[in-house]
Each structure stands twice: as C-alpha cells, then as structure tokens.
C-alpha atoms as a PDB file:
ATOM      1  CA  UNK A   1       0.000   0.000   0.000  1.00  0.00           C
ATOM      2  CA  UNK A   2       2.892   2.357   0.806  1.00  0.00           C
ATOM      3  CA  UNK A   3       4.359   1.862  -2.664  1.00  0.00           C
ATOM      4  CA  UNK A   4       0.978   2.553  -4.295  1.00  0.00           C
ATOM      5  CA  UNK A   5       0.689   5.840  -2.349  1.00  0.00           C
ATOM      6  CA  UNK A   6       4.166   6.904  -3.527  1.00  0.00           C
ATOM      7  CA  UNK A   7       3.128   6.330  -7.142  1.00  0.00           C
ATOM      8  CA  UNK A   8      -0.239   8.102  -6.910  1.00  0.00           C
ATOM      9  CA  UNK A   9       0.859  11.118  -4.833  1.00  0.00           C
ATOM     10  CA  UNK A  10       2.968  12.806  -7.607  1.00  0.00           C
ATOM     11  CA  UNK A  11       0.023  12.430  -9.985  1.00  0.00           C
ATOM     12  CA  UNK A  12      -2.247  14.160  -7.489  1.00  0.00           C
ATOM     13  CA  UNK A  13       0.235  17.025  -7.148  1.00  0.00           C
ATOM     14  CA  UNK A  14       0.432  17.438 -10.943  1.00  0.00           C
ATOM     15  CA  UNK A  15      -3.337  17.391 -11.207  1.00  0.00           C
ATOM     16  CA  UNK A  16      -4.144  19.509  -8.141  1.00  0.00           C
ATOM     17  CA  UNK A  17      -6.626  21.531 -10.187  1.00  0.00           C
ATOM     18  CA  UNK A  18      -8.366  18.559 -11.758  1.00  0.00           C
ATOM     19  CA  UNK A  19     -12.025  17.846 -11.098  1.00  0.00           C
ATOM     20  CA  UNK A  20     -12.059  14.158 -10.237  1.00  0.00           C
ATOM     21  CA  UNK A  21     -15.845  14.109 -10.505  1.00  0.00           C
ATOM     22  CA  UNK A  22     -15.220  14.293 -14.246  1.00  0.00           C
ATOM     23  CA  UNK A  23     -14.074  10.751 -14.915  1.00  0.00           C
ATOM     24  CA  UNK A  24     -13.662  11.432 -18.647  1.00  0.00           C
ATOM     25  CA  UNK A  25      -9.967  12.223 -18.098  1.00  0.00           C
ATOM     26  CA  UNK A  26      -9.462   8.533 -17.278  1.00  0.00           C
ATOM     27  CA  UNK A  27     -11.592   7.207 -20.138  1.00  0.00           C
ATOM     28  CA  UNK A  28      -9.772   5.259 -22.846  1.00  0.00           C
ATOM     29  CA  UNK A  29      -9.445   6.984 -26.220  1.00  0.00           C
ATOM     30  CA  UNK A  30     -10.909   4.027 -28.123  1.00  0.00           C
ATOM     31  CA  UNK A  31     -14.093   2.420 -26.861  1.00  0.00           C
ATOM     32  CA  UNK A  32     -15.022   0.816 -30.161  1.00  0.00           C
ATOM     33  CA  UNK A  33     -13.183  -0.020 -33.355  1.00  0.00           C
ATOM     34  CA  UNK A  34     -14.288   0.002 -36.979  1.00  0.00           C
ATOM     35  CA  UNK A  35     -12.535  -1.480 -40.032  1.00  0.00           C
ATOM     36  CA  UNK A  36     -10.327   0.719 -42.206  1.00  0.00           C
ATOM     37  CA  UNK A  37     -12.720   2.608 -44.469  1.00  0.00           C
ATOM     38  CA  UNK A  38     -10.554   3.118 -47.562  1.00  0.00           C
ATOM     39  CA  UNK A  39      -7.542   1.650 -49.291  1.00  0.00           C
ATOM     40  CA  UNK A  40      -5.759   3.819 -51.831  1.00  0.00           C
ATOM     41  CA  UNK A  41      -2.954   2.765 -54.142  1.00  0.00           C
ATOM     42  CA  UNK A  42      -0.066   4.402 -55.943  1.00  0.00           C
ATOM     43  CA  UNK A  43       0.011   8.154 -56.508  1.00  0.00           C
ATOM     44  CA  UNK A  44       2.652   9.720 -58.711  1.00  0.00           C
ATOM     45  CA  UNK A  45       5.352  12.292 -57.998  1.00  0.00           C
ATOM     46  CA  UNK A  46       8.142  13.457 -60.294  1.00  0.00           C
ATOM     47  CA  UNK A  47      11.773  13.751 -59.176  1.00  0.00           C
ATOM     48  CA  UNK A  48      14.460  14.830 -61.607  1.00  0.00           C
ATOM     49  CA  UNK A  49      17.668  16.717 -62.277  1.00  0.00           C
ATOM     50  CA  UNK A  50      18.465  18.631 -65.444  1.00  0.00           C
ATOM     51  CA  UNK A  51      21.713  16.716 -65.883  1.00  0.00           C
ATOM     52  CA  UNK A  52      23.035  13.343 -64.796  1.00  0.00           C
ATOM     53  CA  UNK A  53      26.276  15.025 -63.751  1.00  0.00           C
ATOM     54  CA  UNK A  54      25.576  17.304 -60.784  1.00  0.00           C
ATOM     55  CA  UNK A  55      27.733  19.968 -59.156  1.00  0.00           C
ATOM     56  CA  UNK A  56      27.366  22.143 -56.071  1.00  0.00           C
ATOM     57  CA  UNK A  57      24.610  24.678 -56.801  1.00  0.00           C
ATOM     58  CA  UNK A  58      22.565  22.276 -58.942  1.00  0.00           C
ATOM     59  CA  UNK A  59      18.977  21.399 -58.004  1.00  0.00           C
ATOM     60  CA  UNK A  60      16.914  18.273 -57.497  1.00  0.00           C
ATOM     61  CA  UNK A  61      13.355  19.134 -58.533  1.00  0.00           C
ATOM     62  CA  UNK A  62      10.259  17.489 -57.042  1.00  0.00           C
ATOM     63  CA  UNK A  63       6.713  17.947 -58.260  1.00  0.00           C
ATOM     64  CA  UNK A  64       3.430  16.263 -57.328  1.00  0.00           C
ATOM     65  CA  UNK A  65       0.130  16.659 -59.188  1.00  0.00           C
ATOM     66  CA  UNK A  66      -2.241  14.259 -57.431  1.00  0.00           C
ATOM     67  CA  UNK A  67      -5.982  14.192 -58.215  1.00  0.00           C
ATOM     68  CA  UNK A  68      -8.338  15.377 -55.503  1.00  0.00           C
ATOM     69  CA  UNK A  69     -10.492  12.329 -56.294  1.00  0.00           C
ATOM     70  CA  UNK A  70      -8.798   8.958 -55.683  1.00  0.00           C
ATOM     71  CA  UNK A  71     -10.059   5.439 -56.383  1.00  0.00           C
ATOM     72  CA  UNK A  72     -10.761   3.350 -53.295  1.00  0.00           C
ATOM     73  CA  UNK A  73      -9.921  -0.298 -53.996  1.00  0.00           C
ATOM     74  CA  UNK A  74     -12.134  -1.570 -51.158  1.00  0.00           C
ATOM     75  CA  UNK A  75     -15.363  -0.144 -52.548  1.00  0.00           C
ATOM     76  CA  UNK A  76     -14.368   0.512 -56.154  1.00  0.00           C
ATOM     77  CA  UNK A  77     -15.608   4.082 -55.750  1.00  0.00           C
ATOM     78  CA  UNK A  78     -14.003   7.499 -56.068  1.00  0.00           C
ATOM     79  CA  UNK A  79     -13.240   9.331 -52.805  1.00  0.00           C
ATOM     80  CA  UNK A  80     -12.583  13.056 -52.367  1.00  0.00           C
ATOM     81  CA  UNK A  81      -9.372  14.081 -50.595  1.00  0.00           C
ATOM     82  CA  UNK A  82     -10.386  17.591 -49.590  1.00  0.00           C
ATOM     83  CA  UNK A  83      -8.937  18.328 -46.180  1.00  0.00           C
ATOM     84  CA  UNK A  84      -5.162  17.946 -46.405  1.00  0.00           C
ATOM     85  CA  UNK A  85      -2.421  16.076 -48.238  1.00  0.00           C
ATOM     86  CA  UNK A  86       1.027  15.925 -46.635  1.00  0.00           C
ATOM     87  CA  UNK A  87       4.016  14.506 -48.530  1.00  0.00           C
ATOM     88  CA  UNK A  88       7.371  13.357 -47.177  1.00  0.00           C
ATOM     89  CA  UNK A  89      10.720  13.332 -48.989  1.00  0.00           C
ATOM     90  CA  UNK A  90      13.506  11.934 -46.802  1.00  0.00           C
ATOM     91  CA  UNK A  91      16.899  12.932 -48.203  1.00  0.00           C
ATOM     92  CA  UNK A  92      19.786  10.852 -46.877  1.00  0.00           C
ATOM     93  CA  UNK A  93      23.456  10.469 -47.659  1.00  0.00           C
ATOM     94  CA  UNK A  94      24.525   7.179 -49.170  1.00  0.00           C
ATOM     95  CA  UNK A  95      27.794   5.316 -49.632  1.00  0.00           C
ATOM     96  CA  UNK A  96      28.939   3.818 -52.898  1.00  0.00           C
ATOM     97  CA  UNK A  97      28.718   0.103 -53.542  1.00  0.00           C
ATOM     98  CA  UNK A  98      32.067  -1.697 -53.243  1.00  0.00           C
ATOM     99  CA  UNK A  99      33.156  -5.308 -53.638  1.00  0.00           C
ATOM    100  CA  UNK A 100      33.855  -5.506 -49.909  1.00  0.00           C
ATOM    101  CA  UNK A 101      30.620  -3.766 -48.877  1.00  0.00           C
ATOM    102  CA  UNK A 102      27.699  -4.955 -51.030  1.00  0.00           C
ATOM    103  CA  UNK A 103      25.151  -2.987 -48.970  1.00  0.00           C
ATOM    104  CA  UNK A 104      25.409   0.783 -48.750  1.00  0.00           C
ATOM    105  CA  UNK A 105      24.497   2.454 -45.477  1.00  0.00           C
ATOM    106  CA  UNK A 106      22.077   5.369 -45.240  1.00  0.00           C
ATOM    107  CA  UNK A 107      22.993   8.255 -42.948  1.00  0.00           C
ATOM    108  CA  UNK A 108      20.365  10.788 -42.007  1.00  0.00           C
ATOM    109  CA  UNK A 109      21.302  14.459 -42.274  1.00  0.00           C
ATOM    110  CA  UNK A 110      18.059  15.936 -40.947  1.00  0.00           C
ATOM    111  CA  UNK A 111      19.747  17.757 -38.029  1.00  0.00           C
ATOM    112  CA  UNK A 112      22.360  19.407 -40.263  1.00  0.00           C
ATOM    113  CA  UNK A 113      20.308  19.536 -43.434  1.00  0.00           C
ATOM    114  CA  UNK A 114      20.923  23.228 -44.136  1.00  0.00           C
ATOM    115  CA  UNK A 115      24.654  22.600 -44.381  1.00  0.00           C
ATOM    116  CA  UNK A 116      23.996  20.111 -47.200  1.00  0.00           C
ATOM    117  CA  UNK A 117      21.037  21.610 -49.078  1.00  0.00           C
ATOM    118  CA  UNK A 118      18.947  24.737 -49.464  1.00  0.00           C
ATOM    119  CA  UNK A 119      15.214  24.182 -49.918  1.00  0.00           C
ATOM    120  CA  UNK A 120      12.817  26.257 -52.001  1.00  0.00           C
ATOM    121  CA  UNK A 121       9.045  25.903 -52.243  1.00  0.00           C
ATOM    122  CA  UNK A 122       7.247  27.230 -55.316  1.00  0.00           C
ATOM    123  CA  UNK A 123       3.917  25.587 -54.591  1.00  0.00           C
ATOM    124  CA  UNK A 124       2.918  24.175 -51.201  1.00  0.00           C
ATOM    125  CA  UNK A 125       4.050  24.694 -47.627  1.00  0.00           C
ATOM    126  CA  UNK A 126       7.025  23.236 -45.776  1.00  0.00           C
ATOM    127  CA  UNK A 127       5.990  21.904 -42.342  1.00  0.00           C
ATOM    128  CA  UNK A 128       9.257  20.170 -41.366  1.00  0.00           C
ATOM    129  CA  UNK A 129      12.649  19.464 -42.947  1.00  0.00           C
ATOM    130  CA  UNK A 130      11.291  16.632 -45.088  1.00  0.00           C
ATOM    131  CA  UNK A 131       7.520  17.273 -44.868  1.00  0.00           C
ATOM    132  CA  UNK A 132       5.395  19.447 -47.151  1.00  0.00           C
ATOM    133  CA  UNK A 133       1.674  20.181 -47.471  1.00  0.00           C
ATOM    134  CA  UNK A 134       0.382  20.218 -51.032  1.00  0.00           C
ATOM    135  CA  UNK A 135      -2.028  22.943 -52.226  1.00  0.00           C
ATOM    136  CA  UNK A 136      -5.487  22.149 -53.590  1.00  0.00           C
ATOM    137  CA  UNK A 137      -5.782  23.806 -56.991  1.00  0.00           C
ATOM    138  CA  UNK A 138      -8.336  23.080 -59.715  1.00  0.00           C
ATOM    139  CA  UNK A 139      -9.143  19.548 -58.577  1.00  0.00           C
ATOM    140  CA  UNK A 140      -5.527  18.538 -57.893  1.00  0.00           C
ATOM    141  CA  UNK A 141      -3.136  18.537 -54.960  1.00  0.00           C
ATOM    142  CA  UNK A 142      -0.020  20.336 -56.191  1.00  0.00           C
ATOM    143  CA  UNK A 143       3.487  20.532 -54.764  1.00  0.00           C
ATOM    144  CA  UNK A 144       6.555  22.045 -56.424  1.00  0.00           C
ATOM    145  CA  UNK A 145       9.810  22.122 -54.433  1.00  0.00           C
ATOM    146  CA  UNK A 146      13.548  21.804 -54.917  1.00  0.00           C
ATOM    147  CA  UNK A 147      16.717  20.902 -53.028  1.00  0.00           C
ATOM    148  CA  UNK A 148      19.844  22.868 -54.006  1.00  0.00           C
ATOM    149  CA  UNK A 149      23.113  21.012 -53.374  1.00  0.00           C
ATOM    150  CA  UNK A 150      25.741  22.652 -51.136  1.00  0.00           C
ATOM    151  CA  UNK A 151      28.064  19.668 -50.596  1.00  0.00           C
ATOM    152  CA  UNK A 152      29.460  16.826 -52.644  1.00  0.00           C
ATOM    153  CA  UNK A 153      28.314  13.260 -52.069  1.00  0.00           C
ATOM    154  CA  UNK A 154      25.917  10.503 -53.021  1.00  0.00           C
ATOM    155  CA  UNK A 155      22.328  10.883 -51.853  1.00  0.00           C
ATOM    156  CA  UNK A 156      18.942   9.211 -52.080  1.00  0.00           C
ATOM    157  CA  UNK A 157      15.426  10.590 -51.694  1.00  0.00           C
ATOM    158  CA  UNK A 158      12.689   8.350 -50.300  1.00  0.00           C
ATOM    159  CA  UNK A 159       9.162   9.661 -51.079  1.00  0.00           C
ATOM    160  CA  UNK A 160       6.033   8.899 -49.087  1.00  0.00           C
ATOM    161  CA  UNK A 161       2.604  10.208 -48.167  1.00  0.00           C
ATOM    162  CA  UNK A 162       2.515  11.387 -44.564  1.00  0.00           C
ATOM    163  CA  UNK A 163      -1.163  12.124 -44.199  1.00  0.00           C
ATOM    164  CA  UNK A 164      -4.294  12.610 -46.267  1.00  0.00           C
ATOM    165  CA  UNK A 165      -7.654  13.759 -45.012  1.00  0.00           C
ATOM    166  CA  UNK A 166     -10.970  12.597 -46.389  1.00  0.00           C
ATOM    167  CA  UNK A 167     -14.466  13.737 -45.475  1.00  0.00           C
ATOM    168  CA  UNK A 168     -14.806  10.688 -43.222  1.00  0.00           C
ATOM    169  CA  UNK A 169     -15.764  11.695 -39.663  1.00  0.00           C
ATOM    170  CA  UNK A 170     -15.073   9.107 -36.952  1.00  0.00           C
ATOM    171  CA  UNK A 171     -17.235   9.569 -33.828  1.00  0.00           C
ATOM    172  CA  UNK A 172     -15.533  10.351 -30.515  1.00  0.00           C
ATOM    173  CA  UNK A 173     -14.434   7.195 -28.756  1.00  0.00           C
ATOM    174  CA  UNK A 174     -14.250   5.267 -32.031  1.00  0.00           C
ATOM    175  CA  UNK A 175     -10.950   4.348 -33.679  1.00  0.00           C
ATOM    176  CA  UNK A 176     -10.331   2.993 -37.161  1.00  0.00           C
ATOM    177  CA  UNK A 177      -8.257  -0.130 -37.512  1.00  0.00           C
ATOM    178  CA  UNK A 178      -5.336  -0.319 -39.904  1.00  0.00           C
ATOM    179  CA  UNK A 179      -3.835   2.669 -41.696  1.00  0.00           C
ATOM    180  CA  UNK A 180      -6.184   5.579 -40.989  1.00  0.00           C
ATOM    181  CA  UNK A 181      -3.723   8.408 -41.713  1.00  0.00           C
ATOM    182  CA  UNK A 182      -2.975   7.695 -45.368  1.00  0.00           C
ATOM    183  CA  UNK A 183      -5.148   4.643 -46.119  1.00  0.00           C
ATOM    184  CA  UNK A 184      -2.256   2.709 -47.708  1.00  0.00           C
ATOM    185  CA  UNK A 185      -1.533   5.442 -50.258  1.00  0.00           C
ATOM    186  CA  UNK A 186       1.980   5.075 -51.683  1.00  0.00           C
ATOM    187  CA  UNK A 187       4.111   7.374 -53.835  1.00  0.00           C
ATOM    188  CA  UNK A 188       5.425   5.978 -57.103  1.00  0.00           C
ATOM    189  CA  UNK A 189       7.993   8.212 -58.775  1.00  0.00           C
ATOM    190  CA  UNK A 190       8.518   9.251 -62.369  1.00  0.00           C
ATOM    191  CA  UNK A 191      12.173  10.226 -62.648  1.00  0.00           C
ATOM    192  CA  UNK A 192      14.867  11.522 -64.953  1.00  0.00           C
ATOM    193  CA  UNK A 193      18.609  11.076 -64.386  1.00  0.00           C
ATOM    194  CA  UNK A 194      17.940   8.695 -61.503  1.00  0.00           C
ATOM    195  CA  UNK A 195      21.223   7.084 -60.367  1.00  0.00           C
ATOM    196  CA  UNK A 196      19.762   4.946 -57.580  1.00  0.00           C
ATOM    197  CA  UNK A 197      20.892   1.703 -59.250  1.00  0.00           C
ATOM    198  CA  UNK A 198      24.389   3.092 -59.671  1.00  0.00           C
ATOM    199  CA  UNK A 199      24.564   3.951 -55.974  1.00  0.00           C
ATOM    200  CA  UNK A 200      22.909   0.669 -54.932  1.00  0.00           C
ATOM    201  CA  UNK A 201      23.517  -2.101 -57.518  1.00  0.00           C
ATOM    202  CA  UNK A 202      21.938  -4.350 -54.900  1.00  0.00           C
ATOM    203  CA  UNK A 203      18.946  -2.211 -54.008  1.00  0.00           C
ATOM    204  CA  UNK A 204      17.988  -2.390 -50.316  1.00  0.00           C
ATOM    205  CA  UNK A 205      14.392  -3.373 -49.697  1.00  0.00           C
ATOM    206  CA  UNK A 206      12.112  -0.370 -49.457  1.00  0.00           C
ATOM    207  CA  UNK A 207      14.127   1.854 -51.810  1.00  0.00           C
ATOM    208  CA  UNK A 208      12.423   0.653 -54.988  1.00  0.00           C
ATOM    209  CA  UNK A 209      10.723   4.040 -55.486  1.00  0.00           C
ATOM    210  CA  UNK A 210      13.693   6.145 -54.395  1.00  0.00           C
ATOM    211  CA  UNK A 211      15.691   8.675 -56.392  1.00  0.00           C
ATOM    212  CA  UNK A 212      19.478   8.639 -56.307  1.00  0.00           C
ATOM    213  CA  UNK A 213      21.875  11.406 -57.335  1.00  0.00           C
ATOM    214  CA  UNK A 214      25.555  12.202 -56.985  1.00  0.00           C
ATOM    215  CA  UNK A 215      27.009  15.683 -56.493  1.00  0.00           C
ATOM    216  CA  UNK A 216      30.565  15.661 -57.861  1.00  0.00           C
END
C-alpha cells in the first residue's frame, strides 16, 4: 500500500486543479473499433535533375500533381481528398557500392540539413525538414519544391505520403483499424537522371521508389 501511495501522490500534485468528478480524463481513447474505411494505391510524384552530372549549386526538382479524387480499392468508388495532403521526402546520404561492402548504409542528415542543401518551395508549404503540405488547386493537390546542393556526395530521396484527409468523420471514442492516416496510399515516382541503381547495384528493400543522385 505504501508503494501505491508513492506512485499516486505525484500524480495528485500534478493534477491539483483537476475535477475528479469528471471521470472522462481517465476514459480510454478508443471504446469501439471500426474497419479501415478506404484503401488507396499508388500516386505519382516526379523527381528529376536537369543533368546526370551534378555539381554544387545544382537542383533536385520534385513535383506532385495528385488528383483530388482517388479510387478506393475496397469499394471501387471514387473518394474526395479535400482536407489535407502531406508529402514526405527523406533525403539521406549514401555510400557507394564496393566489392567488400555490397550494402550501402544510409545516414540521415536531418539535423544538419541546411549545411547540405537549401530548400525552395514554389507551390505548397514546408511543415518540417522533409515534410510538405500540397495545395489544392483546380481539382488537384499540387506541390513544387527543390533541393539545391551545397556539398558533394551521393544521396537518395525516399518519397512517401505522410497524411491525407478525407471527409470521413469518426465519432468520438471510435478508432479505425489499420492505416487511418494515409489509407495505404503510396508514392510511385517518375524520374529523370535517376542514379539509384548506380549507388545501390543491390537495391535495399524499401528503396524501390527512391531517387538517387551524386554531387561531384
């Protein structure tokens, strides 16, 4: 009993202003669960450079033009994505393939990103180093950004959908099973001057839709 009191007492101090007649603060977030409502497939983004040979000051361009209406494979119907569409482009350093090291190692540069690249946004909004909100324009979600190289090296960009918002409203206390933030939507890239297979002749699993480039 003494040990239980020692655990509860700090909580009481932190919540000295709480009304314990309102038991809702202890209620679980999910009382009931419903199946995942939608399942979306591949959506396209373009990643390219103007030349295969890159130097410091050159740019990697990224553009997305995703329809506001997406086919749901579960129902076979079209679903409106009207609230928000957030895209993610993780840019990591990579090491060259060698005979003694058949698997290259990724190294994140997110904490020192500005020493490696400058970022510009022509269309959309940057919400974090690698995250961007697309803009709804004329029935499409549009994003137009670029990364300008400041250092030499080999790099790869992994694209993904962070979040998309439908008109689906889930009642309070109800949680959706499965992937309820992006409903299995995946980015498939259309690329030019992609050197990912040169950087990774043995492509690590999960990088199939990645873009590779080398700043020389």
